[in-house]
N, C-alpha and C. Protein backbone atom coordinates (compact mmCIF):
# COMPACT_ATOMS: atom_id res chain seq x y z
N MET A 1 0.86 -1.15 0.07
CA MET A 1 -0.02 0.02 0.11
C MET A 1 1.06 1.12 0.01
N GLY A 2 2.08 1.02 0.47
CA GLY A 2 2.92 2.18 0.38
C GLY A 2 3.25 2.95 -0.80
N ARG A 3 3.22 2.25 -1.90
CA ARG A 3 3.62 2.83 -3.15
C ARG A 3 2.32 3.71 -3.81
N PHE A 4 1.19 3.48 -3.31
CA PHE A 4 -0.17 4.29 -3.87
C PHE A 4 -0.32 5.44 -2.92
N ARG A 5 0.53 5.82 -2.08
CA ARG A 5 0.38 6.82 -1.15
C ARG A 5 0.25 8.23 -1.88
N GLY A 6 0.99 8.60 -2.68
CA GLY A 6 1.03 9.83 -3.57
C GLY A 6 0.22 9.99 -4.68
N GLN A 7 -0.55 8.91 -4.98
CA GLN A 7 -1.31 8.73 -6.25
C GLN A 7 -2.55 9.80 -6.22
N SER A 8 -3.12 10.24 -5.11
CA SER A 8 -3.98 11.18 -5.28
C SER A 8 -3.53 12.64 -5.41
N SER A 9 -2.46 12.73 -4.91
CA SER A 9 -1.72 14.01 -5.05
C SER A 9 -1.18 14.39 -6.55
N VAL A 10 -0.69 13.34 -7.23
CA VAL A 10 -0.41 13.43 -8.64
C VAL A 10 -1.57 13.76 -9.39
N GLU A 11 -2.74 13.08 -9.32
CA GLU A 11 -3.80 13.33 -9.66
C GLU A 11 -4.46 14.44 -9.72
N TYR A 12 -4.37 15.13 -8.34
CA TYR A 12 -5.01 16.36 -8.10
C TYR A 12 -4.07 17.42 -9.01
N ALA A 13 -2.68 17.35 -9.08
CA ALA A 13 -1.87 18.08 -9.78
C ALA A 13 -2.13 18.17 -11.31
N ILE A 14 -2.37 16.91 -11.93
CA ILE A 14 -2.68 16.84 -13.22
C ILE A 14 -3.90 17.65 -13.45
N VAL A 15 -5.22 17.28 -12.79
CA VAL A 15 -6.35 17.80 -13.14
C VAL A 15 -6.26 19.33 -12.72
N PHE A 16 -5.50 19.78 -11.75
CA PHE A 16 -5.57 21.32 -11.59
C PHE A 16 -4.77 21.82 -12.72
N ALA A 17 -3.68 21.33 -13.12
CA ALA A 17 -2.96 22.02 -14.26
C ALA A 17 -3.97 22.13 -15.31
N ALA A 18 -4.65 21.01 -15.66
CA ALA A 18 -5.58 20.96 -17.05
C ALA A 18 -6.47 22.11 -16.81
N PHE A 19 -7.09 22.17 -15.61
CA PHE A 19 -8.06 23.22 -15.22
C PHE A 19 -7.62 24.73 -15.44
N LEU A 20 -6.26 24.64 -14.90
CA LEU A 20 -5.66 26.11 -14.91
C LEU A 20 -5.33 26.48 -16.49
N ALA A 21 -4.92 25.54 -17.25
CA ALA A 21 -4.73 25.79 -18.66
C ALA A 21 -6.17 26.37 -19.48
N MET A 22 -7.08 25.48 -18.96
CA MET A 22 -8.32 25.95 -19.49
C MET A 22 -8.89 27.36 -19.32
N ILE A 23 -8.60 27.62 -18.06
CA ILE A 23 -9.03 29.04 -17.61
C ILE A 23 -7.91 29.94 -18.33
N VAL A 24 -6.82 29.79 -18.30
CA VAL A 24 -6.06 30.88 -19.01
C VAL A 24 -6.32 30.67 -20.48
N GLY A 25 -6.65 29.66 -21.14
CA GLY A 25 -7.13 29.75 -22.60
C GLY A 25 -8.37 30.48 -22.63
N LEU A 26 -9.54 30.25 -22.01
CA LEU A 26 -10.58 31.07 -21.96
C LEU A 26 -10.42 32.67 -21.84
N GLY A 27 -9.56 33.03 -21.03
CA GLY A 27 -8.98 34.42 -20.77
C GLY A 27 -8.50 35.00 -21.91
N ALA A 28 -7.67 34.34 -22.55
CA ALA A 28 -7.21 34.71 -23.78
C ALA A 28 -8.16 34.81 -25.00
N VAL A 29 -8.98 33.86 -25.07
CA VAL A 29 -10.15 34.06 -26.19
C VAL A 29 -10.82 35.18 -25.71
N ALA A 30 -11.33 35.52 -24.51
CA ALA A 30 -12.10 36.69 -24.10
C ALA A 30 -11.34 37.82 -24.17
N ASN A 31 -10.08 37.91 -24.17
CA ASN A 31 -9.44 39.11 -24.47
C ASN A 31 -9.47 39.53 -25.94
N LEU A 32 -9.32 38.53 -26.92
CA LEU A 32 -9.31 38.70 -28.25
C LEU A 32 -10.52 38.98 -28.64
N LEU A 33 -11.67 38.44 -28.23
CA LEU A 33 -12.96 39.01 -28.41
C LEU A 33 -13.40 40.36 -28.00
N GLU A 34 -13.00 40.64 -26.96
CA GLU A 34 -13.07 41.94 -26.41
C GLU A 34 -12.43 43.12 -27.13
N SER A 35 -11.25 42.74 -27.78
CA SER A 35 -10.61 43.89 -28.38
C SER A 35 -11.17 43.89 -29.73
N GLY A 36 -11.72 43.24 -30.30
CA GLY A 36 -12.37 43.34 -31.50
C GLY A 36 -11.52 42.72 -32.66
N LEU A 37 -10.33 42.01 -32.51
CA LEU A 37 -9.46 41.58 -33.42
C LEU A 37 -10.23 40.44 -34.01
N VAL A 38 -10.85 39.58 -33.30
CA VAL A 38 -11.57 38.50 -34.21
C VAL A 38 -12.63 38.86 -35.29
N LEU A 39 -13.27 39.99 -34.79
CA LEU A 39 -14.47 40.54 -35.73
C LEU A 39 -13.68 41.23 -36.85
N GLU A 40 -12.63 41.99 -36.64
CA GLU A 40 -12.04 42.71 -37.66
C GLU A 40 -11.20 41.71 -38.58
N HIS A 41 -10.80 40.69 -38.28
CA HIS A 41 -10.23 39.55 -39.08
C HIS A 41 -11.34 38.81 -39.94
N ALA A 42 -12.58 38.81 -39.25
CA ALA A 42 -13.58 38.07 -39.94
C ALA A 42 -14.18 38.90 -41.17
N LEU A 43 -14.29 40.24 -40.64
CA LEU A 43 -14.66 41.19 -41.80
C LEU A 43 -13.90 41.33 -42.96
N GLN A 44 -12.35 41.35 -42.56
CA GLN A 44 -11.50 41.55 -43.74
C GLN A 44 -11.42 40.30 -44.48
N SER A 45 -11.56 39.10 -44.02
CA SER A 45 -11.43 37.92 -44.63
C SER A 45 -12.80 37.72 -45.63
N ALA A 46 -13.92 38.21 -44.96
CA ALA A 46 -15.13 38.28 -45.89
C ALA A 46 -15.04 39.12 -46.94
N SER A 47 -14.67 40.36 -46.83
CA SER A 47 -14.58 41.25 -47.80
C SER A 47 -13.86 40.77 -48.94
N HIS A 48 -12.53 40.26 -48.58
CA HIS A 48 -11.62 39.62 -49.62
C HIS A 48 -12.45 38.65 -50.48
N HIS A 49 -13.11 37.49 -49.76
CA HIS A 49 -13.97 36.48 -50.33
C HIS A 49 -14.86 36.98 -51.18
N LEU A 50 -15.79 38.03 -50.74
CA LEU A 50 -16.85 38.61 -51.41
C LEU A 50 -16.38 39.42 -52.73
N SER A 51 -15.40 39.93 -52.72
CA SER A 51 -14.64 40.69 -53.88
C SER A 51 -14.26 39.84 -54.99
N ASN A 52 -13.78 38.80 -54.49
CA ASN A 52 -13.14 37.51 -55.34
C ASN A 52 -14.44 37.09 -56.16
N VAL A 53 -15.43 36.62 -55.24
CA VAL A 53 -16.72 36.03 -55.74
C VAL A 53 -17.54 36.94 -56.72
N ALA A 54 -17.53 38.37 -56.47
CA ALA A 54 -18.39 39.16 -57.24
C ALA A 54 -17.41 39.45 -58.79
N ALA A 55 -15.95 39.32 -58.59
CA ALA A 55 -15.46 39.34 -59.70
C ALA A 55 -15.78 38.09 -60.48
N ALA A 56 -15.76 37.04 -60.14
CA ALA A 56 -15.93 35.74 -60.88
C ALA A 56 -17.41 35.75 -61.33
N ALA A 57 -18.33 36.34 -60.62
CA ALA A 57 -19.80 36.17 -61.03
C ALA A 57 -19.83 37.13 -62.19
N TRP A 58 -19.24 38.33 -62.16
CA TRP A 58 -19.39 39.14 -63.49
C TRP A 58 -18.87 38.46 -64.57
N ALA A 59 -17.79 37.77 -64.40
CA ALA A 59 -17.12 37.17 -65.54
C ALA A 59 -17.96 36.08 -65.94
N ASP A 60 -18.60 35.19 -65.11
CA ASP A 60 -19.75 34.09 -65.44
C ASP A 60 -20.89 34.78 -66.32
N ILE A 61 -21.25 36.13 -65.79
CA ILE A 61 -22.50 36.61 -66.58
C ILE A 61 -22.16 37.25 -67.79
N PHE A 62 -20.83 37.68 -67.95
CA PHE A 62 -20.49 38.18 -69.32
C PHE A 62 -20.09 37.10 -70.30
N LEU A 63 -19.80 36.02 -69.83
CA LEU A 63 -19.22 34.76 -70.56
C LEU A 63 -20.55 34.14 -70.93
N TYR A 64 -21.55 34.04 -70.10
CA TYR A 64 -22.62 33.20 -70.41
C TYR A 64 -23.42 33.85 -71.94
């Protein structure tokens, strides 16, 4: 029984480290969402995508 004595401490340390990493990760995501960086990137990506789609749509219309 002596070799299982620290098992609960090791399990607690592993679970605590995973929980702490999750909390830090959620804080980082919240910081990105609050700063507006995610929204700015999404709008910038969407505008590039729509401009390429619009150009291709006009080409399809005129080539039809």
